[in-house]
Amino acid sequence: MKIIWSPLAIERASEIVDYIAQDKPSAAINWIDTVFSKVELLASSPEMGRVVPEIGNNQFRELIYGNYRIIYRFYKKQISVLTIRHGKQILPIDEIIS
């Protein structure tokens, strides 16, 4: 199954890595490596994440990693990573549904 990262998801991941790296660069590298590893698992198990509660649609799911939500949408042959948000942030629905 093909995995596509949206520009927004890449931007958010980059911002998070930059923030973590301010205190501990090695932790930032570990964080992003783990995020990519978790997302790669979706290729064989796209339904492993929970349904995003704010949306309630089975196609919109999320993986929780530490304090972050990796939000994605899956189709028959593709997974789109839509965004990454801190768990305490409000999820703007229009950011992921277009």
C-alpha atoms as a PDB file:
ATOM      1  CA  MET A   1       0.000   0.000   0.000  1.00  0.00           C
ATOM      2  CA  LYS A   2       1.327   3.413  -0.956  1.00  0.00           C
ATOM      3  CA  ILE A   3       1.882   6.025   1.782  1.00  0.00           C
ATOM      4  CA  ILE A   4       1.640   9.709   0.877  1.00  0.00           C
ATOM      5  CA  TRP A   5       2.653  12.504   3.269  1.00  0.00           C
ATOM      6  CA  SER A   6       0.740  15.756   2.814  1.00  0.00           C
ATOM      7  CA  PRO A   7       2.724  18.996   2.775  1.00  0.00           C
ATOM      8  CA  LEU A   8       0.986  19.936   6.049  1.00  0.00           C
ATOM      9  CA  ALA A   9       2.073  16.690   7.748  1.00  0.00           C
ATOM     10  CA  ILE A  10       5.666  17.225   6.613  1.00  0.00           C
ATOM     11  CA  GLU A  11       5.576  20.815   7.854  1.00  0.00           C
ATOM     12  CA  ARG A  12       4.165  19.806  11.259  1.00  0.00           C
ATOM     13  CA  ALA A  13       6.712  16.992  11.663  1.00  0.00           C
ATOM     14  CA  SER A  14       9.521  19.400  10.821  1.00  0.00           C
ATOM     15  CA  GLU A  15       8.261  21.960  13.356  1.00  0.00           C
ATOM     16  CA  ILE A  16       8.068  19.301  16.072  1.00  0.00           C
ATOM     17  CA  VAL A  17      11.559  18.003  15.303  1.00  0.00           C
ATOM     18  CA  ASP A  18      12.949  21.560  15.430  1.00  0.00           C
ATOM     19  CA  TYR A  19      11.255  22.131  18.788  1.00  0.00           C
ATOM     20  CA  ILE A  20      12.553  18.890  20.317  1.00  0.00           C
ATOM     21  CA  ALA A  21      16.036  19.498  18.899  1.00  0.00           C
ATOM     22  CA  GLN A  22      16.346  22.775  20.812  1.00  0.00           C
ATOM     23  CA  ASP A  23      16.823  20.762  23.994  1.00  0.00           C
ATOM     24  CA  LYS A  24      18.094  17.423  22.741  1.00  0.00           C
ATOM     25  CA  PRO A  25      18.994  16.828  19.081  1.00  0.00           C
ATOM     26  CA  SER A  26      19.328  13.067  19.559  1.00  0.00           C
ATOM     27  CA  ALA A  27      15.766  12.895  20.942  1.00  0.00           C
ATOM     28  CA  ALA A  28      14.519  14.751  17.862  1.00  0.00           C
ATOM     29  CA  ILE A  29      16.152  12.205  15.565  1.00  0.00           C
ATOM     30  CA  ASN A  30      14.719   9.346  17.593  1.00  0.00           C
ATOM     31  CA  TRP A  31      11.258  10.949  17.533  1.00  0.00           C
ATOM     32  CA  ILE A  32      11.100  11.374  13.754  1.00  0.00           C
ATOM     33  CA  ASP A  33      12.587   7.917  13.119  1.00  0.00           C
ATOM     34  CA  THR A  34       9.889   6.386  15.317  1.00  0.00           C
ATOM     35  CA  VAL A  35       7.142   8.391  13.612  1.00  0.00           C
ATOM     36  CA  PHE A  36       8.257   7.132  10.196  1.00  0.00           C
ATOM     37  CA  SER A  37       8.472   3.560  11.520  1.00  0.00           C
ATOM     38  CA  LYS A  38       4.952   3.720  12.944  1.00  0.00           C
ATOM     39  CA  VAL A  39       3.561   5.152   9.718  1.00  0.00           C
ATOM     40  CA  GLU A  40       5.298   2.445   7.668  1.00  0.00           C
ATOM     41  CA  LEU A  41       3.402  -0.187   9.687  1.00  0.00           C
ATOM     42  CA  LEU A  42       0.182   1.224   8.228  1.00  0.00           C
ATOM     43  CA  ALA A  43       1.080  -0.189   4.814  1.00  0.00           C
ATOM     44  CA  SER A  44       0.242  -3.666   6.079  1.00  0.00           C
ATOM     45  CA  SER A  45      -2.309  -2.716   8.770  1.00  0.00           C
ATOM     46  CA  PRO A  46      -4.112   0.480   7.738  1.00  0.00           C
ATOM     47  CA  GLU A  47      -6.864   0.044  10.322  1.00  0.00           C
ATOM     48  CA  MET A  48      -4.501  -0.227  13.296  1.00  0.00           C
ATOM     49  CA  GLY A  49      -5.108   3.369  14.336  1.00  0.00           C
ATOM     50  CA  ARG A  50      -8.234   4.442  16.156  1.00  0.00           C
ATOM     51  CA  VAL A  51     -10.997   6.401  14.447  1.00  0.00           C
ATOM     52  CA  VAL A  52     -10.491  10.152  14.909  1.00  0.00           C
ATOM     53  CA  PRO A  53     -13.150  11.020  17.527  1.00  0.00           C
ATOM     54  CA  GLU A  54     -13.838  14.487  16.122  1.00  0.00           C
ATOM     55  CA  ILE A  55     -14.771  13.030  12.734  1.00  0.00           C
ATOM     56  CA  GLY A  56     -16.233   9.601  13.439  1.00  0.00           C
ATOM     57  CA  ASN A  57     -15.530   8.315   9.923  1.00  0.00           C
ATOM     58  CA  ASN A  58     -13.727   4.949   9.681  1.00  0.00           C
ATOM     59  CA  GLN A  59     -11.438   6.261   6.930  1.00  0.00           C
ATOM     60  CA  PHE A  60      -9.959   8.952   9.206  1.00  0.00           C
ATOM     61  CA  ARG A  61      -7.723   7.385  11.823  1.00  0.00           C
ATOM     62  CA  GLU A  62      -4.898   8.310  14.124  1.00  0.00           C
ATOM     63  CA  LEU A  63      -1.850   6.787  15.702  1.00  0.00           C
ATOM     64  CA  ILE A  64      -0.872   8.086  19.101  1.00  0.00           C
ATOM     65  CA  TYR A  65       2.834   8.492  19.731  1.00  0.00           C
ATOM     66  CA  GLY A  66       3.731  10.111  23.030  1.00  0.00           C
ATOM     67  CA  ASN A  67       1.898  13.432  23.154  1.00  0.00           C
ATOM     68  CA  TYR A  68       1.206  13.493  19.412  1.00  0.00           C
ATOM     69  CA  ARG A  69      -1.569  12.372  17.102  1.00  0.00           C
ATOM     70  CA  ILE A  70      -0.542  11.193  13.632  1.00  0.00           C
ATOM     71  CA  ILE A  71      -3.729  11.629  11.633  1.00  0.00           C
ATOM     72  CA  TYR A  72      -4.221   9.767   8.390  1.00  0.00           C
ATOM     73  CA  ARG A  73      -6.853   8.682   5.914  1.00  0.00           C
ATOM     74  CA  PHE A  74      -6.827   5.350   4.180  1.00  0.00           C
ATOM     75  CA  TYR A  75      -8.220   4.283   0.856  1.00  0.00           C
ATOM     76  CA  LYS A  76      -8.081   0.909  -0.889  1.00  0.00           C
ATOM     77  CA  LYS A  77      -4.521   1.315  -2.160  1.00  0.00           C
ATOM     78  CA  GLN A  78      -3.233   4.441  -0.435  1.00  0.00           C
ATOM     79  CA  ILE A  79      -2.710   5.987   2.962  1.00  0.00           C
ATOM     80  CA  SER A  80      -2.493   9.761   3.249  1.00  0.00           C
ATOM     81  CA  VAL A  81      -0.791  11.145   6.338  1.00  0.00           C
ATOM     82  CA  LEU A  82      -2.741  14.365   6.818  1.00  0.00           C
ATOM     83  CA  THR A  83      -1.209  16.069   9.847  1.00  0.00           C
ATOM     84  CA  ILE A  84       0.533  15.605  13.174  1.00  0.00           C
ATOM     85  CA  ARG A  85      -0.854  17.470  16.173  1.00  0.00           C
ATOM     86  CA  HIS A  86      -0.047  17.698  19.852  1.00  0.00           C
ATOM     87  CA  GLY A  87      -2.765  15.903  21.777  1.00  0.00           C
ATOM     88  CA  LYS A  88      -3.690  19.067  23.683  1.00  0.00           C
ATOM     89  CA  GLN A  89      -4.256  21.092  20.521  1.00  0.00           C
ATOM     90  CA  ILE A  90      -7.720  21.454  19.083  1.00  0.00           C
ATOM     91  CA  LEU A  91      -7.939  19.642  15.762  1.00  0.00           C
ATOM     92  CA  PRO A  92      -9.307  22.005  13.104  1.00  0.00           C
ATOM     93  CA  ILE A  93     -11.437  19.668  11.011  1.00  0.00           C
ATOM     94  CA  ASP A  94     -11.060  21.853   7.904  1.00  0.00           C
ATOM     95  CA  GLU A  95      -7.313  21.215   8.133  1.00  0.00           C
ATOM     96  CA  ILE A  96      -7.793  17.560   7.263  1.00  0.00           C
ATOM     97  CA  ILE A  97     -11.080  17.373   5.387  1.00  0.00           C
ATOM     98  CA  SER A  98     -11.059  19.183   2.090  1.00  0.00           C
END
